Structures are given as C-alpha cells and as structure tokens.
C-alpha cells in the first residue's frame, strides 16, 4: 500500500491545489430565476404562471413570488418590477 501511495503522489506532484474563495459582500449580488407553475384562468383564458425566486449570495436569503409575466423593464421610469420589489424587502 505504501508503494502504491508513493507512486500516486509522485505522479500528482507535491504542489497543493489552489482554490479561490469567492467573496460576496452583503446585498451586492443575487441570483434569480423563473420556474413555470400551473396555468391559471385570467380574463377568460388560461395563462401560464411563474415562480420568481431570488437568492442573495452572502446570506442565502430567499424571496419568492408568483407572477404572470417574465418581463424585466429596461426603462427606469417603468413601474416597479418583481426584481425591484425583492430588493425593497
């Protein structure tokens, strides 16, 4: 066994692997995604509903809400989007 371990170590080398720690300052970064839910009746027809989920990377705090559209407004004067509402909580 010792010979086998010695041979493996000789092939790998003695250099330790280097890992970079990712720092996420509080409130600086978040991940979000939409997931499709069930179809719901809206104005006489069936429409898709979506789960919007946003997770803050530093605290792992999670915000979830059900929405009917997946749009992200590009205009600053647009009504508050679901992403902006998540940051207000």
C-alpha atoms as a PDB file:
ATOM      1  CA  UNK A   1       0.000   0.000   0.000  1.00  0.00           C
ATOM      2  CA  UNK A   2       2.780   2.439   0.860  1.00  0.00           C
ATOM      3  CA  UNK A   3       4.427   1.835  -2.518  1.00  0.00           C
ATOM      4  CA  UNK A   4       1.135   2.482  -4.323  1.00  0.00           C
ATOM      5  CA  UNK A   5       0.538   5.741  -2.442  1.00  0.00           C
ATOM      6  CA  UNK A   6       4.125   6.825  -3.056  1.00  0.00           C
ATOM      7  CA  UNK A   7       3.710   6.187  -6.802  1.00  0.00           C
ATOM      8  CA  UNK A   8       0.451   8.140  -6.939  1.00  0.00           C
ATOM      9  CA  UNK A   9       1.977  11.086  -5.080  1.00  0.00           C
ATOM     10  CA  UNK A  10       4.981  11.055  -7.406  1.00  0.00           C
ATOM     11  CA  UNK A  11       2.660  11.294 -10.425  1.00  0.00           C
ATOM     12  CA  UNK A  12       0.472  14.019  -8.927  1.00  0.00           C
ATOM     13  CA  UNK A  13       3.296  16.121  -7.545  1.00  0.00           C
ATOM     14  CA  UNK A  14       3.631  17.781  -4.194  1.00  0.00           C
ATOM     15  CA  UNK A  15       2.128  21.131  -5.206  1.00  0.00           C
ATOM     16  CA  UNK A  16      -1.087  21.800  -3.264  1.00  0.00           C
ATOM     17  CA  UNK A  17      -4.183  22.711  -5.223  1.00  0.00           C
ATOM     18  CA  UNK A  18      -5.157  26.356  -5.020  1.00  0.00           C
ATOM     19  CA  UNK A  19      -8.785  27.354  -4.529  1.00  0.00           C
ATOM     20  CA  UNK A  20     -10.021  30.912  -4.741  1.00  0.00           C
ATOM     21  CA  UNK A  21     -12.599  31.912  -2.160  1.00  0.00           C
ATOM     22  CA  UNK A  22     -15.467  33.903  -3.659  1.00  0.00           C
ATOM     23  CA  UNK A  23     -16.437  36.874  -1.519  1.00  0.00           C
ATOM     24  CA  UNK A  24     -19.984  38.219  -1.752  1.00  0.00           C
ATOM     25  CA  UNK A  25     -20.467  41.474   0.186  1.00  0.00           C
ATOM     26  CA  UNK A  26     -23.928  41.770   1.778  1.00  0.00           C
ATOM     27  CA  UNK A  27     -26.534  42.873  -0.768  1.00  0.00           C
ATOM     28  CA  UNK A  28     -24.044  43.121  -3.637  1.00  0.00           C
ATOM     29  CA  UNK A  29     -25.056  40.043  -5.623  1.00  0.00           C
ATOM     30  CA  UNK A  30     -28.126  37.882  -6.078  1.00  0.00           C
ATOM     31  CA  UNK A  31     -29.215  35.077  -8.369  1.00  0.00           C
ATOM     32  CA  UNK A  32     -32.727  34.845  -9.747  1.00  0.00           C
ATOM     33  CA  UNK A  33     -34.711  32.529 -11.945  1.00  0.00           C
ATOM     34  CA  UNK A  34     -38.254  31.859 -13.123  1.00  0.00           C
ATOM     35  CA  UNK A  35     -39.883  28.436 -12.879  1.00  0.00           C
ATOM     36  CA  UNK A  36     -43.120  27.537 -14.660  1.00  0.00           C
ATOM     37  CA  UNK A  37     -46.077  26.674 -12.447  1.00  0.00           C
ATOM     38  CA  UNK A  38     -49.659  25.765 -13.399  1.00  0.00           C
ATOM     39  CA  UNK A  39     -51.899  27.512 -15.905  1.00  0.00           C
ATOM     40  CA  UNK A  40     -54.457  29.809 -14.310  1.00  0.00           C
ATOM     41  CA  UNK A  41     -57.623  31.430 -15.701  1.00  0.00           C
ATOM     42  CA  UNK A  42     -57.086  35.116 -16.495  1.00  0.00           C
ATOM     43  CA  UNK A  43     -59.647  37.234 -18.419  1.00  0.00           C
ATOM     44  CA  UNK A  44     -61.421  34.155 -19.782  1.00  0.00           C
ATOM     45  CA  UNK A  45     -58.383  32.219 -20.981  1.00  0.00           C
ATOM     46  CA  UNK A  46     -55.653  30.047 -19.472  1.00  0.00           C
ATOM     47  CA  UNK A  47     -52.283  31.734 -18.927  1.00  0.00           C
ATOM     48  CA  UNK A  48     -49.014  30.444 -17.528  1.00  0.00           C
ATOM     49  CA  UNK A  49     -47.991  31.345 -14.024  1.00  0.00           C
ATOM     50  CA  UNK A  50     -44.354  31.605 -12.987  1.00  0.00           C
ATOM     51  CA  UNK A  51     -42.466  31.405  -9.710  1.00  0.00           C
ATOM     52  CA  UNK A  52     -39.862  34.144  -9.422  1.00  0.00           C
ATOM     53  CA  UNK A  53     -37.120  33.149  -6.967  1.00  0.00           C
ATOM     54  CA  UNK A  54     -34.227  35.410  -5.960  1.00  0.00           C
ATOM     55  CA  UNK A  55     -31.451  34.304  -3.574  1.00  0.00           C
ATOM     56  CA  UNK A  56     -28.884  36.672  -2.075  1.00  0.00           C
ATOM     57  CA  UNK A  57     -25.475  35.008  -2.247  1.00  0.00           C
ATOM     58  CA  UNK A  58     -23.980  36.262   1.018  1.00  0.00           C
ATOM     59  CA  UNK A  59     -26.884  35.480   3.340  1.00  0.00           C
ATOM     60  CA  UNK A  60     -28.726  32.846   1.243  1.00  0.00           C
ATOM     61  CA  UNK A  61     -31.917  34.835   1.970  1.00  0.00           C
ATOM     62  CA  UNK A  62     -34.661  33.857  -0.460  1.00  0.00           C
ATOM     63  CA  UNK A  63     -37.509  35.872  -1.978  1.00  0.00           C
ATOM     64  CA  UNK A  64     -40.300  34.086  -3.857  1.00  0.00           C
ATOM     65  CA  UNK A  65     -43.400  35.397  -5.614  1.00  0.00           C
ATOM     66  CA  UNK A  66     -45.863  34.113  -8.228  1.00  0.00           C
ATOM     67  CA  UNK A  67     -46.055  36.250 -11.394  1.00  0.00           C
ATOM     68  CA  UNK A  68     -47.875  36.019 -14.728  1.00  0.00           C
ATOM     69  CA  UNK A  69     -45.133  37.531 -16.924  1.00  0.00           C
ATOM     70  CA  UNK A  70     -41.339  37.247 -17.039  1.00  0.00           C
ATOM     71  CA  UNK A  71     -40.582  40.764 -18.203  1.00  0.00           C
ATOM     72  CA  UNK A  72     -37.795  42.950 -16.862  1.00  0.00           C
ATOM     73  CA  UNK A  73     -38.403  46.650 -17.602  1.00  0.00           C
ATOM     74  CA  UNK A  74     -35.453  48.441 -19.202  1.00  0.00           C
ATOM     75  CA  UNK A  75     -36.785  51.934 -18.500  1.00  0.00           C
ATOM     76  CA  UNK A  76     -36.028  53.483 -15.098  1.00  0.00           C
ATOM     77  CA  UNK A  77     -39.446  55.169 -15.087  1.00  0.00           C
ATOM     78  CA  UNK A  78     -41.283  51.868 -15.585  1.00  0.00           C
ATOM     79  CA  UNK A  79     -43.480  50.501 -12.788  1.00  0.00           C
ATOM     80  CA  UNK A  80     -41.625  48.508 -10.140  1.00  0.00           C
ATOM     81  CA  UNK A  81     -40.669  45.079 -11.421  1.00  0.00           C
ATOM     82  CA  UNK A  82     -40.600  41.934  -9.362  1.00  0.00           C
ATOM     83  CA  UNK A  83     -36.804  42.245  -9.057  1.00  0.00           C
ATOM     84  CA  UNK A  84     -37.072  45.755  -7.648  1.00  0.00           C
ATOM     85  CA  UNK A  85     -39.781  44.637  -5.217  1.00  0.00           C
ATOM     86  CA  UNK A  86     -37.472  41.875  -3.983  1.00  0.00           C
ATOM     87  CA  UNK A  87     -34.765  44.395  -3.096  1.00  0.00           C
ATOM     88  CA  UNK A  88     -37.199  46.527  -1.082  1.00  0.00           C
ATOM     89  CA  UNK A  89     -37.959  43.736   1.399  1.00  0.00           C
END
